[in-house]
Amino acid sequence: MTAELSEDVETPELPQDMDRQEYADVLRMLSQASVDRHFDAFVDVPWDDPDFAVDPHDPRWVLPPNSDPLGAHPWYQALPLERQIEIGRWRQANILKVGLQFENILIRGIMQYVFSLRNGSPEYRYLTHEATEECHHTQMFQETVNRIGIDVPGMPGYMKIAAPLIPMLASVAPVGFFIAVLAGEEPIDHTQKAILRDGHEMPPVMTRIMQIHVAEEARHISFAHEYIKRRGPRMGRLDRWTTAIMFPVIMRVACDLIMVPPKSFRKEFDIPRSVMKDLYWRAPESRVRLSELFSDVRMLAEEAGLMNRVSRRVWKLLRIDGRTSTYRGEPAAAFDAAA
């Protein structure tokens, strides 16, 4: 698209030849890291170890109060321990199910994107490494859901209908596709890192799959950031303006799909409507948590020239605005201390 706009997009200047070489170097580094340190879903998780058996009465299924909105709510904390455990198992299983469904969409989009790449493309090699790793993640997540033993639905029905269409974006709107990739990866990654940093004790199977997932997602998120930072400023003015507006919308929709429990969960456990409204995202502490999920991607939007006066209002309207990270993966504690 070449249409001229009354432009207010903030576009960084990039020295193209140097930037191209730096980008190729980053991809080679990520590809080598995938060779040097990778995991197999059925080798690196000791599924047959008795300690990894899923005990439906294990108190470690209680939701962590410092990283799960429901786990921190007085309504949940006032429940009998067995009920807290039951809710925790359901919640963790459904987050895993949504996560593996997102990764399934990502794998299909990656295959769509690399189909037409030129010979020798460093993107081809890295992205096929990523697709391989994501396949292992889907196996790892599904195996855990199976062992938890709850028939959770995962994504809502409308997303299951839309899922076959999303990978097509990888060919027609690749920047938008990789923004959608980040939208699926960032909330889960942010939450899992918070749990691991906090030291909250979980069943060993959950701790192990989180460790593996966080280790490999660091590469996947790094690639998406590098791709968007490189391609964003080179988009046509209208495409760039439109993408800037859609950036926060995609983030918020994906966040709600992952973080907000489905109606079946609320009905099964008779969770009061007022509690759900507080958790997602009316209460002040919930809004702070929501904003923190997107501190890294707000930084990315600035760096990629995908932030403008209108899009800033959209970020704010969707309640996912706030201070940006000073570096990717900045912990919330450091973020708060610097405020």
C-alpha atoms as a PDB file:
ATOM      1  CA  MET A   1       0.000   0.000   0.000  1.00  0.00           C
ATOM      2  CA  THR A   2       1.338   3.422  -0.865  1.00  0.00           C
ATOM      3  CA  ALA A   3      -1.481   5.739   0.164  1.00  0.00           C
ATOM      4  CA  GLU A   4      -0.309   8.924   1.891  1.00  0.00           C
ATOM      5  CA  LEU A   5      -1.578   9.741   5.340  1.00  0.00           C
ATOM      6  CA  SER A   6      -1.401  12.710   7.619  1.00  0.00           C
ATOM      7  CA  GLU A   7       1.401  10.761   9.263  1.00  0.00           C
ATOM      8  CA  ASP A   8       2.170  10.719  12.936  1.00  0.00           C
ATOM      9  CA  VAL A   9       3.960   7.368  13.101  1.00  0.00           C
ATOM     10  CA  GLU A  10       7.316   7.620  14.834  1.00  0.00           C
ATOM     11  CA  THR A  11       9.793   5.848  12.536  1.00  0.00           C
ATOM     12  CA  PRO A  12      13.376   5.086  13.568  1.00  0.00           C
ATOM     13  CA  GLU A  13      16.089   5.405  10.942  1.00  0.00           C
ATOM     14  CA  LEU A  14      17.840   2.128  10.106  1.00  0.00           C
ATOM     15  CA  PRO A  15      21.068   1.716   8.084  1.00  0.00           C
ATOM     16  CA  GLN A  16      19.775  -1.023   5.828  1.00  0.00           C
ATOM     17  CA  ASP A  17      22.930  -2.913   4.802  1.00  0.00           C
ATOM     18  CA  MET A  18      24.337  -3.023   8.305  1.00  0.00           C
ATOM     19  CA  ASP A  19      20.950  -3.876   9.736  1.00  0.00           C
ATOM     20  CA  ARG A  20      20.528  -6.781   7.285  1.00  0.00           C
ATOM     21  CA  GLN A  21      23.877  -8.261   8.321  1.00  0.00           C
ATOM     22  CA  GLU A  22      23.157  -7.809  12.013  1.00  0.00           C
ATOM     23  CA  TYR A  23      19.770  -9.485  11.543  1.00  0.00           C
ATOM     24  CA  ALA A  24      21.390 -12.464   9.777  1.00  0.00           C
ATOM     25  CA  ASP A  25      23.945 -12.723  12.594  1.00  0.00           C
ATOM     26  CA  VAL A  26      21.166 -12.780  15.202  1.00  0.00           C
ATOM     27  CA  LEU A  27      19.369 -15.559  13.305  1.00  0.00           C
ATOM     28  CA  ARG A  28      22.546 -17.623  13.054  1.00  0.00           C
ATOM     29  CA  MET A  29      23.125 -17.178  16.789  1.00  0.00           C
ATOM     30  CA  LEU A  30      19.538 -18.257  17.581  1.00  0.00           C
ATOM     31  CA  SER A  31      19.817 -21.244  15.237  1.00  0.00           C
ATOM     32  CA  GLN A  32      23.074 -22.378  16.872  1.00  0.00           C
ATOM     33  CA  ALA A  33      21.503 -21.967  20.297  1.00  0.00           C
ATOM     34  CA  SER A  34      18.696 -24.288  19.169  1.00  0.00           C
ATOM     35  CA  VAL A  35      21.320 -26.864  18.207  1.00  0.00           C
ATOM     36  CA  ASP A  36      23.322 -26.459  21.410  1.00  0.00           C
ATOM     37  CA  ARG A  37      20.413 -26.458  23.843  1.00  0.00           C
ATOM     38  CA  HIS A  38      17.112 -28.065  22.946  1.00  0.00           C
ATOM     39  CA  PHE A  39      14.640 -30.397  24.617  1.00  0.00           C
ATOM     40  CA  ASP A  40      12.593 -33.441  23.698  1.00  0.00           C
ATOM     41  CA  ALA A  41       9.126 -33.731  25.227  1.00  0.00           C
ATOM     42  CA  PHE A  42       9.560 -37.459  25.928  1.00  0.00           C
ATOM     43  CA  VAL A  43      13.242 -37.464  26.882  1.00  0.00           C
ATOM     44  CA  ASP A  44      13.703 -34.392  29.040  1.00  0.00           C
ATOM     45  CA  VAL A  45      10.552 -34.782  31.118  1.00  0.00           C
ATOM     46  CA  PRO A  46      10.753 -37.931  33.294  1.00  0.00           C
ATOM     47  CA  TRP A  47       7.127 -38.887  32.890  1.00  0.00           C
ATOM     48  CA  ASP A  48       7.575 -42.286  34.572  1.00  0.00           C
ATOM     49  CA  ASP A  49       9.300 -40.898  37.658  1.00  0.00           C
ATOM     50  CA  PRO A  50       6.929 -41.404  40.636  1.00  0.00           C
ATOM     51  CA  ASP A  51       7.561 -37.799  41.701  1.00  0.00           C
ATOM     52  CA  PHE A  52       6.083 -36.654  38.371  1.00  0.00           C
ATOM     53  CA  ALA A  53       2.825 -38.521  38.829  1.00  0.00           C
ATOM     54  CA  VAL A  54      -0.196 -36.219  39.031  1.00  0.00           C
ATOM     55  CA  ASP A  55      -1.778 -36.429  42.459  1.00  0.00           C
ATOM     56  CA  PRO A  56      -5.259 -34.848  42.319  1.00  0.00           C
ATOM     57  CA  HIS A  57      -5.003 -34.017  46.037  1.00  0.00           C
ATOM     58  CA  ASP A  58      -1.534 -32.450  45.946  1.00  0.00           C
ATOM     59  CA  PRO A  59      -1.724 -29.040  47.714  1.00  0.00           C
ATOM     60  CA  ARG A  60       0.892 -27.738  45.283  1.00  0.00           C
ATOM     61  CA  TRP A  61      -1.934 -27.315  42.745  1.00  0.00           C
ATOM     62  CA  VAL A  62      -3.166 -24.328  44.760  1.00  0.00           C
ATOM     63  CA  LEU A  63      -2.824 -21.290  42.487  1.00  0.00           C
ATOM     64  CA  PRO A  64       0.154 -19.005  43.194  1.00  0.00           C
ATOM     65  CA  PRO A  65      -1.059 -15.703  44.679  1.00  0.00           C
ATOM     66  CA  ASN A  66       1.784 -13.618  43.264  1.00  0.00           C
ATOM     67  CA  SER A  67       1.349 -14.613  39.632  1.00  0.00           C
ATOM     68  CA  ASP A  68      -2.257 -15.727  39.136  1.00  0.00           C
ATOM     69  CA  PRO A  69      -5.084 -13.217  39.633  1.00  0.00           C
ATOM     70  CA  LEU A  70      -7.478 -15.875  40.888  1.00  0.00           C
ATOM     71  CA  GLY A  71      -4.901 -17.246  43.317  1.00  0.00           C
ATOM     72  CA  ALA A  72      -4.622 -13.820  44.934  1.00  0.00           C
ATOM     73  CA  HIS A  73      -8.357 -13.182  45.325  1.00  0.00           C
ATOM     74  CA  PRO A  74      -9.924 -13.428  48.837  1.00  0.00           C
ATOM     75  CA  TRP A  75     -12.820 -15.493  47.450  1.00  0.00           C
ATOM     76  CA  TYR A  76     -10.426 -18.210  46.261  1.00  0.00           C
ATOM     77  CA  GLN A  77      -8.260 -18.083  49.365  1.00  0.00           C
ATOM     78  CA  ALA A  78     -11.323 -18.540  51.596  1.00  0.00           C
ATOM     79  CA  LEU A  79     -12.293 -21.827  49.896  1.00  0.00           C
ATOM     80  CA  PRO A  80     -11.545 -25.213  51.490  1.00  0.00           C
ATOM     81  CA  LEU A  81      -8.140 -26.555  50.481  1.00  0.00           C
ATOM     82  CA  GLU A  82      -9.583 -29.387  48.358  1.00  0.00           C
ATOM     83  CA  ARG A  83     -11.653 -26.893  46.372  1.00  0.00           C
ATOM     84  CA  GLN A  84      -8.630 -24.661  45.822  1.00  0.00           C
ATOM     85  CA  ILE A  85      -6.699 -27.680  44.549  1.00  0.00           C
ATOM     86  CA  GLU A  86      -9.527 -28.709  42.215  1.00  0.00           C
ATOM     87  CA  ILE A  87      -9.785 -25.200  40.753  1.00  0.00           C
ATOM     88  CA  GLY A  88      -5.995 -24.978  40.443  1.00  0.00           C
ATOM     89  CA  ARG A  89      -5.761 -28.210  38.473  1.00  0.00           C
ATOM     90  CA  TRP A  90      -8.531 -27.120  36.083  1.00  0.00           C
ATOM     91  CA  ARG A  91      -7.002 -23.674  35.633  1.00  0.00           C
ATOM     92  CA  GLN A  92      -3.487 -24.938  34.948  1.00  0.00           C
ATOM     93  CA  ALA A  93      -4.744 -27.591  32.541  1.00  0.00           C
ATOM     94  CA  ASN A  94      -6.775 -25.090  30.531  1.00  0.00           C
ATOM     95  CA  ILE A  95      -3.900 -22.599  30.280  1.00  0.00           C
ATOM     96  CA  LEU A  96      -1.748 -25.411  28.910  1.00  0.00           C
ATOM     97  CA  LYS A  97      -4.493 -26.392  26.447  1.00  0.00           C
ATOM     98  CA  VAL A  98      -4.845 -22.824  25.170  1.00  0.00           C
ATOM     99  CA  GLY A  99      -1.052 -22.572  24.959  1.00  0.00           C
ATOM    100  CA  LEU A 100      -0.681 -25.681  22.830  1.00  0.00           C
ATOM    101  CA  GLN A 101      -3.500 -24.508  20.555  1.00  0.00           C
ATOM    102  CA  PHE A 102      -1.730 -21.188  20.032  1.00  0.00           C
ATOM    103  CA  GLU A 103       1.491 -23.036  19.263  1.00  0.00           C
ATOM    104  CA  ASN A 104      -0.326 -25.256  16.784  1.00  0.00           C
ATOM    105  CA  ILE A 105      -1.451 -22.125  14.933  1.00  0.00           C
ATOM    106  CA  LEU A 106       2.102 -20.754  15.112  1.00  0.00           C
ATOM    107  CA  ILE A 107       3.594 -23.914  13.606  1.00  0.00           C
ATOM    108  CA  ARG A 108       1.165 -23.780  10.684  1.00  0.00           C
ATOM    109  CA  GLY A 109       1.937 -20.102  10.126  1.00  0.00           C
ATOM    110  CA  ILE A 110       5.680 -20.726  10.203  1.00  0.00           C
ATOM    111  CA  MET A 111       5.336 -23.425   7.562  1.00  0.00           C
ATOM    112  CA  GLN A 112       3.238 -21.044   5.467  1.00  0.00           C
ATOM    113  CA  TYR A 113       5.856 -18.294   5.826  1.00  0.00           C
ATOM    114  CA  VAL A 114       8.961 -20.369   5.028  1.00  0.00           C
ATOM    115  CA  PHE A 115       7.397 -22.080   2.003  1.00  0.00           C
ATOM    116  CA  SER A 116       8.484 -19.294  -0.365  1.00  0.00           C
ATOM    117  CA  LEU A 117      11.756 -18.201   1.266  1.00  0.00           C
ATOM    118  CA  ARG A 118      14.814 -18.119  -0.966  1.00  0.00           C
ATOM    119  CA  ASN A 119      17.586 -20.695  -0.766  1.00  0.00           C
ATOM    120  CA  GLY A 120      20.147 -19.786   1.877  1.00  0.00           C
ATOM    121  CA  SER A 121      17.711 -17.713   3.914  1.00  0.00           C
ATOM    122  CA  PRO A 122      18.789 -17.602   7.583  1.00  0.00           C
ATOM    123  CA  GLU A 123      15.113 -17.121   8.453  1.00  0.00           C
ATOM    124  CA  TYR A 124      14.314 -20.532   6.992  1.00  0.00           C
ATOM    125  CA  ARG A 125      16.803 -22.356   9.163  1.00  0.00           C
ATOM    126  CA  TYR A 126      15.878 -20.556  12.386  1.00  0.00           C
ATOM    127  CA  LEU A 127      12.118 -20.801  11.895  1.00  0.00           C
ATOM    128  CA  THR A 128      12.223 -24.526  11.191  1.00  0.00           C
ATOM    129  CA  HIS A 129      14.199 -24.935  14.429  1.00  0.00           C
ATOM    130  CA  GLU A 130      11.445 -22.971  16.163  1.00  0.00           C
ATOM    131  CA  ALA A 131       8.682 -25.073  14.597  1.00  0.00           C
ATOM    132  CA  THR A 132      10.438 -28.235  15.789  1.00  0.00           C
ATOM    133  CA  GLU A 133      10.650 -26.888  19.325  1.00  0.00           C
ATOM    134  CA  GLU A 134       7.024 -25.794  19.276  1.00  0.00           C
ATOM    135  CA  CYS A 135       5.977 -29.306  18.218  1.00  0.00           C
ATOM    136  CA  HIS A 136       7.695 -30.625  21.336  1.00  0.00           C
ATOM    137  CA  HIS A 137       5.911 -27.976  23.414  1.00  0.00           C
ATOM    138  CA  THR A 138       2.526 -29.057  22.113  1.00  0.00           C
ATOM    139  CA  GLN A 139       3.351 -32.675  22.953  1.00  0.00           C
ATOM    140  CA  MET A 140       4.620 -31.698  26.399  1.00  0.00           C
ATOM    141  CA  PHE A 141       1.570 -29.578  27.188  1.00  0.00           C
ATOM    142  CA  GLN A 142      -0.932 -32.129  25.877  1.00  0.00           C
ATOM    143  CA  GLU A 143       0.703 -34.956  27.804  1.00  0.00           C
ATOM    144  CA  THR A 144       0.426 -32.903  30.988  1.00  0.00           C
ATOM    145  CA  VAL A 145      -3.241 -32.134  30.308  1.00  0.00           C
ATOM    146  CA  ASN A 146      -3.866 -35.830  29.713  1.00  0.00           C
ATOM    147  CA  ARG A 147      -2.224 -36.748  33.013  1.00  0.00           C
ATOM    148  CA  ILE A 148      -4.103 -34.068  34.947  1.00  0.00           C
ATOM    149  CA  GLY A 149      -7.180 -35.878  33.653  1.00  0.00           C
ATOM    150  CA  ILE A 150      -9.603 -32.988  33.167  1.00  0.00           C
ATOM    151  CA  ASP A 151     -11.312 -32.552  29.786  1.00  0.00           C
ATOM    152  CA  VAL A 152     -10.660 -28.814  29.525  1.00  0.00           C
ATOM    153  CA  PRO A 153     -11.908 -26.958  26.416  1.00  0.00           C
ATOM    154  CA  GLY A 154      -8.979 -24.642  25.752  1.00  0.00           C
ATOM    155  CA  MET A 155      -9.886 -21.859  23.329  1.00  0.00           C
ATOM    156  CA  PRO A 156     -13.497 -20.769  22.853  1.00  0.00           C
ATOM    157  CA  GLY A 157     -15.408 -22.122  19.876  1.00  0.00           C
ATOM    158  CA  TYR A 158     -15.085 -19.019  17.714  1.00  0.00           C
ATOM    159  CA  MET A 159     -11.276 -19.239  17.874  1.00  0.00           C
ATOM    160  CA  LYS A 160     -11.346 -22.852  16.789  1.00  0.00           C
ATOM    161  CA  ILE A 161     -13.291 -21.716  13.716  1.00  0.00           C
ATOM    162  CA  ALA A 162     -10.859 -18.843  13.033  1.00  0.00           C
ATOM    163  CA  ALA A 163      -7.711 -20.917  13.671  1.00  0.00           C
ATOM    164  CA  PRO A 164      -7.302 -22.248  10.085  1.00  0.00           C
ATOM    165  CA  LEU A 165      -7.365 -18.685   8.731  1.00  0.00           C
ATOM    166  CA  ILE A 166      -4.736 -17.124  10.999  1.00  0.00           C
ATOM    167  CA  PRO A 167      -1.685 -18.925   9.492  1.00  0.00           C
ATOM    168  CA  MET A 168      -2.521 -17.320   6.134  1.00  0.00           C
ATOM    169  CA  LEU A 169      -1.500 -13.979   7.652  1.00  0.00           C
ATOM    170  CA  ALA A 170       2.083 -15.213   7.589  1.00  0.00           C
ATOM    171  CA  SER A 171       2.086 -14.774   3.801  1.00  0.00           C
ATOM    172  CA  VAL A 172      -0.102 -11.687   3.342  1.00  0.00           C
ATOM    173  CA  ALA A 173       0.717  -9.721   6.521  1.00  0.00           C
ATOM    174  CA  PRO A 174       3.817 -11.257   8.130  1.00  0.00           C
ATOM    175  CA  VAL A 175       4.433  -8.425  10.595  1.00  0.00           C
ATOM    176  CA  GLY A 176       0.857  -8.760  11.814  1.00  0.00           C
ATOM    177  CA  PHE A 177       1.311 -12.528  12.060  1.00  0.00           C
ATOM    178  CA  PHE A 178       4.410 -12.271  14.225  1.00  0.00           C
ATOM    179  CA  ILE A 179       2.670  -9.693  16.399  1.00  0.00           C
ATOM    180  CA  ALA A 180      -0.046 -12.332  16.863  1.00  0.00           C
ATOM    181  CA  VAL A 181       2.688 -14.847  17.678  1.00  0.00           C
ATOM    182  CA  LEU A 182       3.968 -12.577  20.440  1.00  0.00           C
ATOM    183  CA  ALA A 183       0.418 -12.052  21.652  1.00  0.00           C
ATOM    184  CA  GLY A 184       0.149 -15.794  22.233  1.00  0.00           C
ATOM    185  CA  GLU A 185       3.625 -16.213  23.696  1.00  0.00           C
ATOM    186  CA  GLU A 186       4.129 -13.187  25.938  1.00  0.00           C
ATOM    187  CA  PRO A 187       1.314 -13.702  28.524  1.00  0.00           C
ATOM    188  CA  ILE A 188       2.183 -17.357  29.134  1.00  0.00           C
ATOM    189  CA  ASP A 189       5.927 -16.668  29.189  1.00  0.00           C
ATOM    190  CA  HIS A 190       5.501 -13.688  31.534  1.00  0.00           C
ATOM    191  CA  THR A 191       3.332 -15.730  33.916  1.00  0.00           C
ATOM    192  CA  GLN A 192       5.597 -18.783  33.921  1.00  0.00           C
ATOM    193  CA  LYS A 193       8.709 -16.685  34.556  1.00  0.00           C
ATOM    194  CA  ALA A 194       6.944 -14.926  37.431  1.00  0.00           C
ATOM    195  CA  ILE A 195       6.076 -18.294  39.012  1.00  0.00           C
ATOM    196  CA  LEU A 196       9.642 -19.588  38.643  1.00  0.00           C
ATOM    197  CA  ARG A 197      11.190 -16.367  39.957  1.00  0.00           C
ATOM    198  CA  ASP A 198       8.821 -16.299  42.899  1.00  0.00           C
ATOM    199  CA  GLY A 199       9.825 -19.810  43.896  1.00  0.00           C
ATOM    200  CA  HIS A 200       6.228 -20.949  44.320  1.00  0.00           C
ATOM    201  CA  GLU A 201       6.245 -24.713  44.761  1.00  0.00           C
ATOM    202  CA  MET A 202       4.240 -26.538  42.125  1.00  0.00           C
ATOM    203  CA  PRO A 203       3.904 -30.225  41.224  1.00  0.00           C
ATOM    204  CA  PRO A 204       7.264 -31.309  39.724  1.00  0.00           C
ATOM    205  CA  VAL A 205       5.756 -31.999  36.292  1.00  0.00           C
ATOM    206  CA  MET A 206       4.517 -28.391  36.072  1.00  0.00           C
ATOM    207  CA  THR A 207       7.840 -26.945  37.235  1.00  0.00           C
ATOM    208  CA  ARG A 208       9.783 -29.006  34.690  1.00  0.00           C
ATOM    209  CA  ILE A 209       7.647 -28.128  31.689  1.00  0.00           C
ATOM    210  CA  MET A 210       7.717 -24.449  32.678  1.00  0.00           C
ATOM    211  CA  GLN A 211      11.523 -24.539  32.871  1.00  0.00           C
ATOM    212  CA  ILE A 212      11.763 -26.087  29.409  1.00  0.00           C
ATOM    213  CA  HIS A 213       9.155 -23.801  27.915  1.00  0.00           C
ATOM    214  CA  VAL A 214      10.698 -20.598  29.308  1.00  0.00           C
ATOM    215  CA  ALA A 215      14.189 -21.635  28.132  1.00  0.00           C
ATOM    216  CA  GLU A 216      13.113 -22.187  24.523  1.00  0.00           C
ATOM    217  CA  GLU A 217      10.507 -19.421  24.341  1.00  0.00           C
ATOM    218  CA  ALA A 218      13.297 -16.937  25.064  1.00  0.00           C
ATOM    219  CA  ARG A 219      14.636 -17.675  21.572  1.00  0.00           C
ATOM    220  CA  HIS A 220      11.214 -17.611  19.945  1.00  0.00           C
ATOM    221  CA  ILE A 221      10.316 -14.270  21.501  1.00  0.00           C
ATOM    222  CA  SER A 222      13.751 -12.895  20.595  1.00  0.00           C
ATOM    223  CA  PHE A 223      13.152 -13.760  16.948  1.00  0.00           C
ATOM    224  CA  ALA A 224       9.697 -12.178  16.863  1.00  0.00           C
ATOM    225  CA  HIS A 225      11.071  -8.982  18.426  1.00  0.00           C
ATOM    226  CA  GLU A 226      13.956  -8.827  15.940  1.00  0.00           C
ATOM    227  CA  TYR A 227      11.656  -9.521  12.991  1.00  0.00           C
ATOM    228  CA  ILE A 228       9.148  -6.828  13.940  1.00  0.00           C
ATOM    229  CA  LYS A 229      11.875  -4.285  14.773  1.00  0.00           C
ATOM    230  CA  ARG A 230      13.420  -4.843  11.344  1.00  0.00           C
ATOM    231  CA  ARG A 231      10.262  -5.065   9.234  1.00  0.00           C
ATOM    232  CA  GLY A 232       8.051  -2.543  11.018  1.00  0.00           C
ATOM    233  CA  PRO A 233       9.905   0.608   9.914  1.00  0.00           C
ATOM    234  CA  ARG A 234      10.088  -0.681   6.314  1.00  0.00           C
ATOM    235  CA  MET A 235       6.335  -1.094   5.894  1.00  0.00           C
ATOM    236  CA  GLY A 236       4.384   1.316   3.714  1.00  0.00           C
ATOM    237  CA  ARG A 237       2.969   4.304   5.558  1.00  0.00           C
ATOM    238  CA  LEU A 238      -0.624   3.100   5.513  1.00  0.00           C
ATOM    239  CA  ASP A 239       0.323  -0.479   6.412  1.00  0.00           C
ATOM    240  CA  ARG A 240       2.504   0.760   9.248  1.00  0.00           C
ATOM    241  CA  TRP A 241      -0.234   3.067  10.569  1.00  0.00           C
ATOM    242  CA  THR A 242      -2.832   0.281  10.428  1.00  0.00           C
ATOM    243  CA  THR A 243      -0.491  -2.231  12.070  1.00  0.00           C
ATOM    244  CA  ALA A 244       0.221   0.242  14.876  1.00  0.00           C
ATOM    245  CA  ILE A 245      -3.515   0.465  15.598  1.00  0.00           C
ATOM    246  CA  MET A 246      -4.016  -3.304  15.465  1.00  0.00           C
ATOM    247  CA  PHE A 247      -0.972  -4.075  17.632  1.00  0.00           C
ATOM    248  CA  PRO A 248      -2.688  -3.434  21.012  1.00  0.00           C
ATOM    249  CA  VAL A 249      -5.973  -4.975  19.816  1.00  0.00           C
ATOM    250  CA  ILE A 250      -4.222  -8.254  18.932  1.00  0.00           C
ATOM    251  CA  MET A 251      -2.399  -8.226  22.261  1.00  0.00           C
ATOM    252  CA  ARG A 252      -5.507  -7.683  24.335  1.00  0.00           C
ATOM    253  CA  VAL A 253      -7.619 -10.287  22.497  1.00  0.00           C
ATOM    254  CA  ALA A 254      -4.927 -12.948  22.857  1.00  0.00           C
ATOM    255  CA  CYS A 255      -4.339 -12.069  26.502  1.00  0.00           C
ATOM    256  CA  ASP A 256      -8.006 -12.559  27.334  1.00  0.00           C
ATOM    257  CA  LEU A 257      -8.073 -15.882  25.483  1.00  0.00           C
ATOM    258  CA  ILE A 258      -5.174 -17.132  27.607  1.00  0.00           C
ATOM    259  CA  MET A 259      -5.723 -15.489  30.967  1.00  0.00           C
ATOM    260  CA  VAL A 260      -9.507 -15.241  31.319  1.00  0.00           C
ATOM    261  CA  PRO A 261     -11.117 -18.596  32.198  1.00  0.00           C
ATOM    262  CA  PRO A 262     -13.971 -19.735  29.928  1.00  0.00           C
ATOM    263  CA  LYS A 263     -17.614 -19.693  30.963  1.00  0.00           C
ATOM    264  CA  SER A 264     -17.581 -23.433  31.599  1.00  0.00           C
ATOM    265  CA  PHE A 265     -14.977 -22.885  34.324  1.00  0.00           C
ATOM    266  CA  ARG A 266     -17.018 -20.178  36.005  1.00  0.00           C
ATOM    267  CA  LYS A 267     -20.168 -22.337  35.934  1.00  0.00           C
ATOM    268  CA  GLU A 268     -18.483 -25.506  37.138  1.00  0.00           C
ATOM    269  CA  PHE A 269     -16.967 -23.836  40.184  1.00  0.00           C
ATOM    270  CA  ASP A 270     -19.802 -21.361  40.796  1.00  0.00           C
ATOM    271  CA  ILE A 271     -17.490 -18.341  40.751  1.00  0.00           C
ATOM    272  CA  PRO A 272     -19.429 -15.131  41.502  1.00  0.00           C
ATOM    273  CA  ARG A 273     -19.700 -12.671  38.630  1.00  0.00           C
ATOM    274  CA  SER A 274     -18.307  -9.907  40.877  1.00  0.00           C
ATOM    275  CA  VAL A 275     -15.149 -11.973  41.467  1.00  0.00           C
ATOM    276  CA  MET A 276     -14.627 -12.495  37.742  1.00  0.00           C
ATOM    277  CA  LYS A 277     -15.050  -8.787  37.054  1.00  0.00           C
ATOM    278  CA  ASP A 278     -12.512  -7.928  39.746  1.00  0.00           C
ATOM    279  CA  LEU A 279     -10.024 -10.432  38.417  1.00  0.00           C
ATOM    280  CA  TYR A 280     -10.368  -9.621  34.692  1.00  0.00           C
ATOM    281  CA  TRP A 281      -9.648  -6.652  34.912  1.00  0.00           C
ATOM    282  CA  ARG A 282     -11.587  -4.247  37.098  1.00  0.00           C
ATOM    283  CA  ALA A 283      -9.727  -4.287  40.432  1.00  0.00           C
ATOM    284  CA  PRO A 284      -6.717  -1.911  40.627  1.00  0.00           C
ATOM    285  CA  GLU A 285      -4.244  -4.717  41.311  1.00  0.00           C
ATOM    286  CA  SER A 286      -5.622  -6.658  38.326  1.00  0.00           C
ATOM    287  CA  ARG A 287      -5.107  -3.653  36.068  1.00  0.00           C
ATOM    288  CA  VAL A 288      -1.510  -3.352  37.261  1.00  0.00           C
ATOM    289  CA  ARG A 289      -0.983  -7.034  36.480  1.00  0.00           C
ATOM    290  CA  LEU A 290      -2.540  -6.600  33.036  1.00  0.00           C
ATOM    291  CA  SER A 291      -0.293  -3.639  32.251  1.00  0.00           C
ATOM    292  CA  GLU A 292       2.819  -5.541  33.357  1.00  0.00           C
ATOM    293  CA  LEU A 293       2.106  -8.334  30.871  1.00  0.00           C
ATOM    294  CA  PHE A 294       2.741  -5.925  27.997  1.00  0.00           C
ATOM    295  CA  SER A 295       5.689  -3.842  29.169  1.00  0.00           C
ATOM    296  CA  ASP A 296       8.030  -5.640  26.744  1.00  0.00           C
ATOM    297  CA  VAL A 297       5.748  -5.353  23.718  1.00  0.00           C
ATOM    298  CA  ARG A 298       5.109  -1.661  24.365  1.00  0.00           C
ATOM    299  CA  MET A 299       8.876  -1.231  24.193  1.00  0.00           C
ATOM    300  CA  LEU A 300       8.886  -3.202  20.930  1.00  0.00           C
ATOM    301  CA  ALA A 301       6.119  -1.052  19.427  1.00  0.00           C
ATOM    302  CA  GLU A 302       8.200   2.053  20.144  1.00  0.00           C
ATOM    303  CA  GLU A 303      11.373   0.535  18.679  1.00  0.00           C
ATOM    304  CA  ALA A 304       9.615  -0.722  15.539  1.00  0.00           C
ATOM    305  CA  GLY A 305       7.902   2.568  14.706  1.00  0.00           C
ATOM    306  CA  LEU A 306       4.513   1.007  15.484  1.00  0.00           C
ATOM    307  CA  MET A 307       3.386   3.575  18.010  1.00  0.00           C
ATOM    308  CA  ASN A 308       1.535   6.747  17.032  1.00  0.00           C
ATOM    309  CA  ARG A 309      -0.864   9.206  18.621  1.00  0.00           C
ATOM    310  CA  VAL A 310      -3.929   7.152  17.749  1.00  0.00           C
ATOM    311  CA  SER A 311      -2.422   3.804  18.757  1.00  0.00           C
ATOM    312  CA  ARG A 312      -1.343   5.236  22.116  1.00  0.00           C
ATOM    313  CA  ARG A 313      -5.000   5.992  22.765  1.00  0.00           C
ATOM    314  CA  VAL A 314      -5.940   2.430  21.794  1.00  0.00           C
ATOM    315  CA  TRP A 315      -3.372   0.981  24.217  1.00  0.00           C
ATOM    316  CA  LYS A 316      -4.893   3.181  26.924  1.00  0.00           C
ATOM    317  CA  LEU A 317      -8.499   2.415  25.956  1.00  0.00           C
ATOM    318  CA  LEU A 318      -7.767  -1.305  26.226  1.00  0.00           C
ATOM    319  CA  ARG A 319      -6.102  -0.727  29.624  1.00  0.00           C
ATOM    320  CA  ILE A 320      -2.804  -2.209  28.531  1.00  0.00           C
ATOM    321  CA  ASP A 321      -0.829   1.023  28.440  1.00  0.00           C
ATOM    322  CA  GLY A 322       1.822   1.944  30.996  1.00  0.00           C
ATOM    323  CA  ARG A 323       5.526   2.291  31.362  1.00  0.00           C
ATOM    324  CA  THR A 324       7.658   0.325  28.906  1.00  0.00           C
ATOM    325  CA  SER A 325      10.426  -2.057  29.912  1.00  0.00           C
ATOM    326  CA  THR A 326      13.985  -0.767  29.820  1.00  0.00           C
ATOM    327  CA  TYR A 327      15.097  -4.196  28.571  1.00  0.00           C
ATOM    328  CA  ARG A 328      13.266  -7.299  27.422  1.00  0.00           C
ATOM    329  CA  GLY A 329      12.314  -9.674  30.217  1.00  0.00           C
ATOM    330  CA  GLU A 330      12.677  -7.064  32.949  1.00  0.00           C
ATOM    331  CA  PRO A 331      11.142  -8.532  36.136  1.00  0.00           C
ATOM    332  CA  ALA A 332       8.159  -6.730  37.593  1.00  0.00           C
ATOM    333  CA  ALA A 333      10.065  -6.175  40.856  1.00  0.00           C
ATOM    334  CA  ALA A 334      12.844  -4.287  39.064  1.00  0.00           C
ATOM    335  CA  PHE A 335      10.230  -2.493  37.023  1.00  0.00           C
ATOM    336  CA  ASP A 336       8.418  -1.351  40.164  1.00  0.00           C
ATOM    337  CA  ALA A 337      11.617  -0.352  41.948  1.00  0.00           C
ATOM    338  CA  ALA A 338      12.604   1.926  39.075  1.00  0.00           C
ATOM    339  CA  ALA A 339       9.218   3.662  39.060  1.00  0.00           C
END
